[in-house]
Amino acid sequence: MDALPIILDCDPGHDDALAMILAAKNPALKLLGITTVSGNGGISKVTLNARRIATLANIDVPIAEGAGKSILGAFEEANDIHGESALDGAELPEPKIELSPLHAVDLIAKLIRESDKSVTLIATGPLTNIALFLKMHPGLKPKIWKLYLWGVALRVVIAPLMQNSIFGWILKRQK
């Protein structure tokens, strides 16, 4: 059976570090690229984290920086959960993996366009890059096999540690 081609759109904190490694090392998956979005930390922090994790785990795929704020402009780092670096506590090497010159949205489009198979998108952070991709490249929708979201809830219970990727805006509006 052929490996499933995937693109991981993430905001590397502790959870996404593991997601990157699992996606890259699973023989059933073919990781085409990694894109970053602000979420667990600001865009420069999570992009640096992605490059450091890729260096540590010998993940050799393009990495592109994406949206630094939501489409509506709101953004708040999760320093209370992931720390100042968005990945506090881990001793990571300095990155040897270069950053793609493409914006995350453009890298997603390029990788999907170049794939001979439909691609599965896995979004483990805020969905800003995915929304922008779908808006800017509607002709590529038929080449998307599936879109998986990390952090879905069946019931919305507003609590201090609820899943930020999807429900963070609820908490911000209540302040």
Protein backbone atom coordinates (compact mmCIF):
# COMPACT_ATOMS: atom_id res chain seq x y z
CA MET A 1 0.00 0.00 0.00
CA ASP A 2 1.31 3.44 -0.92
CA ALA A 3 1.98 5.98 1.80
CA LEU A 4 -0.69 8.65 2.25
CA PRO A 5 0.65 12.09 1.21
CA ILE A 6 0.05 14.67 3.95
CA ILE A 7 0.86 18.28 4.78
CA LEU A 8 1.04 19.23 8.46
CA ASP A 9 -0.09 22.78 9.30
CA CYS A 10 0.85 23.40 12.93
CA ASP A 11 1.81 25.79 15.73
CA PRO A 12 4.65 23.80 17.34
CA GLY A 13 4.33 23.63 21.05
CA HIS A 14 4.71 20.36 22.93
CA ASP A 15 1.79 18.57 21.24
CA ASP A 16 2.76 19.55 17.71
CA ALA A 17 6.39 18.54 18.27
CA LEU A 18 5.15 15.00 18.77
CA ALA A 19 2.77 15.30 15.80
CA MET A 20 5.67 16.34 13.54
CA ILE A 21 7.81 13.39 14.57
CA LEU A 22 4.98 10.87 14.30
CA ALA A 23 3.95 12.18 10.87
CA ALA A 24 7.52 12.06 9.56
CA LYS A 25 8.42 8.64 10.92
CA ASN A 26 5.20 6.72 10.20
CA PRO A 27 5.76 4.55 7.10
CA ALA A 28 2.04 4.76 6.25
CA LEU A 29 2.40 8.52 5.73
CA LYS A 30 4.41 10.58 3.28
CA LEU A 31 5.01 13.98 4.89
CA LEU A 32 5.28 16.46 2.01
CA GLY A 33 5.81 19.61 4.05
CA ILE A 34 5.24 21.46 7.31
CA THR A 35 3.65 24.89 7.58
CA THR A 36 3.38 27.04 10.68
CA VAL A 37 0.68 29.32 12.06
CA SER A 38 0.56 31.45 15.22
CA GLY A 39 -1.19 29.66 18.04
CA ASN A 40 0.81 28.16 20.90
CA GLY A 41 3.22 31.04 20.34
CA GLY A 42 3.91 33.88 17.96
CA ILE A 43 4.77 32.98 14.36
CA SER A 44 8.53 33.46 14.72
CA LYS A 45 8.60 31.25 17.84
CA VAL A 46 6.56 28.38 16.40
CA THR A 47 8.45 28.50 13.11
CA LEU A 48 11.77 28.31 14.96
CA ASN A 49 10.35 25.41 16.99
CA ALA A 50 9.34 23.57 13.81
CA ARG A 51 12.84 23.97 12.37
CA ARG A 52 14.48 22.86 15.64
CA ILE A 53 12.23 19.79 15.92
CA ALA A 54 12.92 18.92 12.29
CA THR A 55 16.66 19.21 12.94
CA LEU A 56 16.43 17.03 16.07
CA ALA A 57 14.36 14.33 14.35
CA ASN A 58 16.07 14.52 10.92
CA ILE A 59 12.85 15.54 9.19
CA ASP A 60 13.81 16.64 5.69
CA VAL A 61 10.76 18.36 4.19
CA PRO A 62 10.11 22.00 3.31
CA ILE A 63 8.99 24.18 6.21
CA ALA A 64 7.18 27.45 5.52
CA GLU A 65 6.06 30.23 7.83
CA GLY A 66 2.40 31.19 7.62
CA ALA A 67 -0.10 33.52 9.23
CA GLY A 68 1.07 35.51 12.23
CA LYS A 69 -2.43 36.49 13.32
CA SER A 70 -5.96 35.37 12.68
CA ILE A 71 -7.98 36.65 9.74
CA LEU A 72 -9.82 38.94 12.16
CA GLY A 73 -6.51 40.11 13.66
CA ALA A 74 -6.80 38.67 17.18
CA PHE A 75 -3.97 36.58 18.60
CA GLU A 76 -2.80 35.72 22.08
CA GLU A 77 0.16 33.47 22.88
CA ALA A 78 -0.41 30.47 25.17
CA ASN A 79 2.58 31.28 27.40
CA ASP A 80 0.78 29.99 30.49
CA ILE A 81 0.61 26.51 28.92
CA HIS A 82 3.59 26.16 26.56
CA GLY A 83 5.96 28.72 28.10
CA GLU A 84 7.70 31.75 26.66
CA SER A 85 9.24 29.83 23.74
CA ALA A 86 6.00 27.90 23.07
CA LEU A 87 8.11 24.79 23.76
CA ASP A 88 9.67 25.45 27.17
CA GLY A 89 11.50 22.62 28.91
CA ALA A 90 12.92 20.95 25.83
CA GLU A 91 16.60 21.20 24.98
CA LEU A 92 16.55 21.53 21.20
CA PRO A 93 19.42 22.01 18.77
CA GLU A 94 19.83 25.14 16.72
CA PRO A 95 18.03 24.61 13.41
CA LYS A 96 19.90 23.27 10.40
CA ILE A 97 16.73 23.05 8.33
CA GLU A 98 16.29 26.08 6.09
CA LEU A 99 13.01 27.95 5.93
CA SER A 100 11.20 27.89 2.58
CA PRO A 101 11.03 31.32 0.91
CA LEU A 102 7.36 30.61 0.18
CA HIS A 103 4.53 31.66 2.47
CA ALA A 104 2.79 28.63 4.03
CA VAL A 105 -0.29 29.12 1.84
CA ASP A 106 1.85 29.08 -1.29
CA LEU A 107 3.81 26.03 -0.14
CA ILE A 108 0.57 24.14 0.52
CA ALA A 109 -0.61 25.03 -3.00
CA LYS A 110 2.72 24.04 -4.57
CA LEU A 111 2.88 20.67 -2.79
CA ILE A 112 -0.72 19.82 -3.67
CA ARG A 113 -0.25 20.90 -7.28
CA GLU A 114 2.93 18.78 -7.62
CA SER A 115 1.50 15.66 -5.94
CA ASP A 116 0.41 12.85 -8.24
CA LYS A 117 -2.14 11.83 -5.59
CA SER A 118 -4.76 13.64 -3.56
CA VAL A 119 -3.26 15.15 -0.41
CA THR A 120 -4.56 15.04 3.15
CA LEU A 121 -4.21 18.25 5.18
CA ILE A 122 -3.70 17.88 8.92
CA ALA A 123 -4.23 21.07 10.90
CA THR A 124 -3.14 20.98 14.53
CA GLY A 125 -3.34 24.71 15.19
CA PRO A 126 -5.57 27.63 14.27
CA LEU A 127 -7.04 27.25 10.79
CA THR A 128 -5.88 30.58 9.34
CA ASN A 129 -3.48 29.09 6.75
CA ILE A 130 -6.08 26.52 5.69
CA ALA A 131 -8.78 29.18 5.30
CA LEU A 132 -6.45 31.41 3.27
CA PHE A 133 -5.38 28.47 1.10
CA LEU A 134 -8.99 27.50 0.34
CA LYS A 135 -9.87 31.12 -0.48
CA MET A 136 -6.79 31.80 -2.63
CA HIS A 137 -6.58 28.42 -4.43
CA PRO A 138 -10.16 27.15 -4.91
CA GLY A 139 -9.13 25.17 -8.00
CA LEU A 140 -6.99 22.87 -5.84
CA LYS A 141 -9.88 21.73 -3.61
CA PRO A 142 -10.48 18.57 -5.70
CA LYS A 143 -6.89 17.47 -4.94
CA ILE A 144 -7.53 17.50 -1.19
CA TRP A 145 -8.42 14.00 -0.03
CA LYS A 146 -9.31 14.91 3.56
CA LEU A 147 -8.83 17.64 6.13
CA TYR A 148 -8.19 16.49 9.68
CA LEU A 149 -8.44 18.89 12.60
CA TRP A 150 -6.71 18.44 15.92
CA GLY A 151 -8.68 19.75 18.87
CA VAL A 152 -12.32 19.11 18.05
CA ALA A 153 -14.81 19.00 20.93
CA LEU A 154 -18.25 17.42 20.97
CA ARG A 155 -19.53 19.78 23.65
CA VAL A 156 -18.37 23.30 24.28
CA VAL A 157 -17.52 23.67 27.94
CA ILE A 158 -15.85 27.00 28.54
CA ALA A 159 -12.91 26.30 30.83
CA PRO A 160 -9.48 27.89 31.37
CA LEU A 161 -7.58 25.05 29.64
CA MET A 162 -9.96 24.35 26.73
CA GLN A 163 -8.58 23.68 23.27
CA ASN A 164 -7.22 27.02 22.06
CA SER A 165 -7.03 26.22 18.34
CA ILE A 166 -10.78 26.07 17.96
CA PHE A 167 -12.34 27.76 20.96
CA GLY A 168 -9.72 30.35 21.94
CA TRP A 169 -11.80 33.12 20.42
CA ILE A 170 -14.70 32.32 22.81
CA LEU A 171 -12.50 33.01 25.81
CA LYS A 172 -11.13 36.22 24.30
CA ARG A 173 -14.62 37.57 23.63
CA GLN A 174 -15.71 36.93 27.22
CA LYS A 175 -12.89 39.01 28.70
